[in-house]
């Protein structure tokens, strides 16, 4: 077990963090879009 497994573990953690960040951003954007789409017809 040299330095490679540690580097791989770090990369996996970084990738997981990025995926979680992207997923949260997509969910947030989708929620905001849904609220906006639902709010526009009621105003008009």
PDB file of N, CA and C in Angstrom:
ATOM      1  N   UNK A   1       0.852  -1.205   0.000  1.00  0.00           N
ATOM      2  CA  UNK A   1       0.000   0.000   0.000  1.00  0.00           C
ATOM      3  C   UNK A   1       0.881   1.246   0.000  1.00  0.00           C
ATOM      4  N   UNK A   2       1.114   1.806  -1.179  1.00  0.00           N
ATOM      5  CA  UNK A   2       1.947   2.996  -1.281  1.00  0.00           C
ATOM      6  C   UNK A   2       1.108   4.266  -1.271  1.00  0.00           C
ATOM      7  N   UNK A   3       1.604   5.321  -1.901  1.00  0.00           N
ATOM      8  CA  UNK A   3       0.877   6.598  -1.912  1.00  0.00           C
ATOM      9  C   UNK A   3      -0.323   6.598  -2.859  1.00  0.00           C
ATOM     10  N   UNK A   4      -0.392   5.603  -3.758  1.00  0.00           N
ATOM     11  CA  UNK A   4      -1.489   5.588  -4.734  1.00  0.00           C
ATOM     12  C   UNK A   4      -2.865   5.406  -4.089  1.00  0.00           C
ATOM     13  N   UNK A   5      -3.060   4.427  -3.168  1.00  0.00           N
ATOM     14  CA  UNK A   5      -4.394   4.246  -2.577  1.00  0.00           C
ATOM     15  C   UNK A   5      -4.890   5.510  -1.885  1.00  0.00           C
ATOM     16  N   UNK A   6      -3.993   6.200  -1.162  1.00  0.00           N
ATOM     17  CA  UNK A   6      -4.400   7.435  -0.478  1.00  0.00           C
ATOM     18  C   UNK A   6      -4.835   8.478  -1.479  1.00  0.00           C
ATOM     19  N   UNK A   7      -4.088   8.580  -2.583  1.00  0.00           N
ATOM     20  CA  UNK A   7      -4.433   9.571  -3.611  1.00  0.00           C
ATOM     21  C   UNK A   7      -5.791   9.218  -4.233  1.00  0.00           C
ATOM     22  N   UNK A   8      -6.002   7.916  -4.474  1.00  0.00           N
ATOM     23  CA  UNK A   8      -7.272   7.472  -5.057  1.00  0.00           C
ATOM     24  C   UNK A   8      -8.428   7.794  -4.108  1.00  0.00           C
ATOM     25  N   UNK A   9      -8.206   7.552  -2.810  1.00  0.00           N
ATOM     26  CA  UNK A   9      -9.250   7.811  -1.821  1.00  0.00           C
ATOM     27  C   UNK A   9      -9.604   9.301  -1.820  1.00  0.00           C
ATOM     28  N   UNK A  10      -8.574  10.148  -1.885  1.00  0.00           N
ATOM     29  CA  UNK A  10      -8.807  11.588  -1.912  1.00  0.00           C
ATOM     30  C   UNK A  10      -9.581  12.000  -3.156  1.00  0.00           C
ATOM     31  N   UNK A  11      -9.212  11.405  -4.289  1.00  0.00           N
ATOM     32  CA  UNK A  11      -9.907  11.729  -5.541  1.00  0.00           C
ATOM     33  C   UNK A  11     -11.366  11.289  -5.473  1.00  0.00           C
ATOM     34  N   UNK A  12     -11.595  10.113  -4.877  1.00  0.00           N
ATOM     35  CA  UNK A  12     -12.970   9.599  -4.752  1.00  0.00           C
ATOM     36  C   UNK A  12     -13.789  10.530  -3.868  1.00  0.00           C
ATOM     37  N   UNK A  13     -13.179  10.987  -2.751  1.00  0.00           N
ATOM     38  CA  UNK A  13     -13.890  11.901  -1.849  1.00  0.00           C
ATOM     39  C   UNK A  13     -14.199  13.213  -2.563  1.00  0.00           C
ATOM     40  N   UNK A  14     -13.229  13.722  -3.338  1.00  0.00           N
ATOM     41  CA  UNK A  14     -13.444  14.971  -4.083  1.00  0.00           C
ATOM     42  C   UNK A  14     -14.565  14.789  -5.099  1.00  0.00           C
ATOM     43  N   UNK A  15     -14.545  13.653  -5.807  1.00  0.00           N
ATOM     44  CA  UNK A  15     -15.572  13.376  -6.816  1.00  0.00           C
ATOM     45  C   UNK A  15     -16.942  13.295  -6.151  1.00  0.00           C
ATOM     46  N   UNK A  16     -17.001  12.630  -4.981  1.00  0.00           N
ATOM     47  CA  UNK A  16     -18.278  12.509  -4.268  1.00  0.00           C
ATOM     48  C   UNK A  16     -18.785  13.887  -3.864  1.00  0.00           C
ATOM     49  N   UNK A  17     -17.856  14.728  -3.378  1.00  0.00           N
ATOM     50  CA  UNK A  17     -18.225  16.087  -2.977  1.00  0.00           C
ATOM     51  C   UNK A  17     -18.770  16.869  -4.162  1.00  0.00           C
ATOM     52  N   UNK A  18     -18.103  16.735  -5.313  1.00  0.00           N
ATOM     53  CA  UNK A  18     -18.549  17.455  -6.521  1.00  0.00           C
ATOM     54  C   UNK A  18     -19.927  16.968  -6.944  1.00  0.00           C
ATOM     55  N   UNK A  19     -20.119  15.645  -6.923  1.00  0.00           N
ATOM     56  CA  UNK A  19     -21.413  15.075  -7.325  1.00  0.00           C
ATOM     57  C   UNK A  19     -22.513  15.563  -6.387  1.00  0.00           C
ATOM     58  N   UNK A  20     -22.221  15.571  -5.082  1.00  0.00           N
ATOM     59  CA  UNK A  20     -23.220  16.027  -4.105  1.00  0.00           C
ATOM     60  C   UNK A  20     -23.539  17.499  -4.340  1.00  0.00           C
ATOM     61  N   UNK A  21     -22.495  18.293  -4.640  1.00  0.00           N
ATOM     62  CA  UNK A  21     -22.689  19.732  -4.882  1.00  0.00           C
ATOM     63  C   UNK A  21     -23.557  19.941  -6.123  1.00  0.00           C
ATOM     64  N   UNK A  22     -23.244  19.211  -7.194  1.00  0.00           N
ATOM     65  CA  UNK A  22     -24.007  19.342  -8.447  1.00  0.00           C
ATOM     66  C   UNK A  22     -25.452  18.905  -8.225  1.00  0.00           C
ATOM     67  N   UNK A  23     -25.626  17.791  -7.514  1.00  0.00           N
ATOM     68  CA  UNK A  23     -26.978  17.276  -7.268  1.00  0.00           C
ATOM     69  C   UNK A  23     -27.781  18.295  -6.470  1.00  0.00           C
ATOM     70  N   UNK A  24     -27.169  18.878  -5.437  1.00  0.00           N
ATOM     71  CA  UNK A  24     -27.856  19.884  -4.619  1.00  0.00           C
ATOM     72  C   UNK A  24     -28.217  21.095  -5.477  1.00  0.00           C
ATOM     73  N   UNK A  25     -27.293  21.515  -6.348  1.00  0.00           N
ATOM     74  CA  UNK A  25     -27.542  22.688  -7.208  1.00  0.00           C
ATOM     75  C   UNK A  25     -28.692  22.395  -8.168  1.00  0.00           C
ATOM     76  N   UNK A  26     -28.707  21.177  -8.742  1.00  0.00           N
ATOM     77  CA  UNK A  26     -29.769  20.804  -9.691  1.00  0.00           C
ATOM     78  C   UNK A  26     -31.120  20.770  -8.979  1.00  0.00           C
ATOM     79  N   UNK A  27     -31.145  20.180  -7.776  1.00  0.00           N
ATOM     80  CA  UNK A  27     -32.404  20.086  -7.017  1.00  0.00           C
ATOM     81  C   UNK A  27     -32.888  21.484  -6.651  1.00  0.00           C
ATOM     82  N   UNK A  28     -31.941  22.334  -6.196  1.00  0.00           N
ATOM     83  CA  UNK A  28     -32.295  23.701  -5.810  1.00  0.00           C
ATOM     84  C   UNK A  28     -32.843  24.467  -7.013  1.00  0.00           C
ATOM     85  N   UNK A  29     -32.140  24.357  -8.158  1.00  0.00           N
ATOM     86  CA  UNK A  29     -32.570  25.058  -9.374  1.00  0.00           C
ATOM     87  C   UNK A  29     -33.943  24.545  -9.814  1.00  0.00           C
ATOM     88  N   UNK A  30     -34.155  23.240  -9.735  1.00  0.00           N
ATOM     89  CA  UNK A  30     -35.433  22.663 -10.121  1.00  0.00           C
ATOM     90  C   UNK A  30     -36.558  23.153  -9.225  1.00  0.00           C
ATOM     91  N   UNK A  31     -36.286  23.234  -7.912  1.00  0.00           N
ATOM     92  CA  UNK A  31     -37.303  23.711  -6.964  1.00  0.00           C
ATOM     93  C   UNK A  31     -37.648  25.161  -7.256  1.00  0.00           C
ATOM     94  N   UNK A  32     -36.607  25.988  -7.468  1.00  0.00           N
ATOM     95  CA  UNK A  32     -36.830  27.412  -7.755  1.00  0.00           C
ATOM     96  C   UNK A  32     -37.632  27.561  -9.043  1.00  0.00           C
ATOM     97  N   UNK A  33     -37.261  26.789 -10.083  1.00  0.00           N
ATOM     98  CA  UNK A  33     -37.967  26.866 -11.360  1.00  0.00           C
ATOM     99  C   UNK A  33     -39.428  26.456 -11.180  1.00  0.00           C
ATOM    100  N   UNK A  34     -39.653  25.419 -10.392  1.00  0.00           N
ATOM    101  CA  UNK A  34     -41.021  24.951 -10.174  1.00  0.00           C
ATOM    102  C   UNK A  34     -41.848  26.029  -9.479  1.00  0.00           C
ATOM    103  N   UNK A  35     -41.267  26.661  -8.456  1.00  0.00           N
ATOM    104  CA  UNK A  35     -41.970  27.722  -7.713  1.00  0.00           C
ATOM    105  C   UNK A  35     -42.281  28.882  -8.651  1.00  0.00           C
ATOM    106  N   UNK A  36     -41.314  29.266  -9.472  1.00  0.00           N
ATOM    107  CA  UNK A  36     -41.508  30.388 -10.404  1.00  0.00           C
ATOM    108  C   UNK A  36     -42.609  30.049 -11.405  1.00  0.00           C
ATOM    109  N   UNK A  37     -42.555  28.833 -11.967  1.00  0.00           N
ATOM    110  CA  UNK A  37     -43.550  28.419 -12.966  1.00  0.00           C
ATOM    111  C   UNK A  37     -44.943  28.385 -12.344  1.00  0.00           C
ATOM    112  N   UNK A  38     -45.036  27.965 -11.095  1.00  0.00           N
ATOM    113  CA  UNK A  38     -46.341  27.887 -10.430  1.00  0.00           C
ATOM    114  C   UNK A  38     -46.835  29.274 -10.043  1.00  0.00           C
ATOM    115  N   UNK A  39     -45.909  30.203  -9.772  1.00  0.00           N
ATOM    116  CA  UNK A  39     -46.293  31.534  -9.282  1.00  0.00           C
ATOM    117  C   UNK A  39     -46.711  32.455 -10.434  1.00  0.00           C
ATOM    118  N   UNK A  40     -46.136  32.275 -11.617  1.00  0.00           N
ATOM    119  CA  UNK A  40     -46.395  33.201 -12.733  1.00  0.00           C
ATOM    120  C   UNK A  40     -47.880  33.202 -13.153  1.00  0.00           C
ATOM    121  N   UNK A  41     -48.508  32.014 -13.371  1.00  0.00           N
ATOM    122  CA  UNK A  41     -49.915  32.040 -13.819  1.00  0.00           C
ATOM    123  C   UNK A  41     -50.848  32.663 -12.782  1.00  0.00           C
ATOM    124  N   UNK A  42     -50.547  32.510 -11.500  1.00  0.00           N
ATOM    125  CA  UNK A  42     -51.426  33.046 -10.451  1.00  0.00           C
ATOM    126  C   UNK A  42     -51.374  34.570 -10.447  1.00  0.00           C
ATOM    127  N   UNK A  43     -50.195  35.131 -10.741  1.00  0.00           N
ATOM    128  CA  UNK A  43     -50.080  36.600 -10.769  1.00  0.00           C
ATOM    129  C   UNK A  43     -50.879  37.164 -11.930  1.00  0.00           C
ATOM    130  N   UNK A  44     -50.822  36.472 -13.066  1.00  0.00           N
ATOM    131  CA  UNK A  44     -51.583  36.935 -14.230  1.00  0.00           C
ATOM    132  C   UNK A  44     -52.990  36.401 -14.120  1.00  0.00           C
TER     133      UNK A  44
END
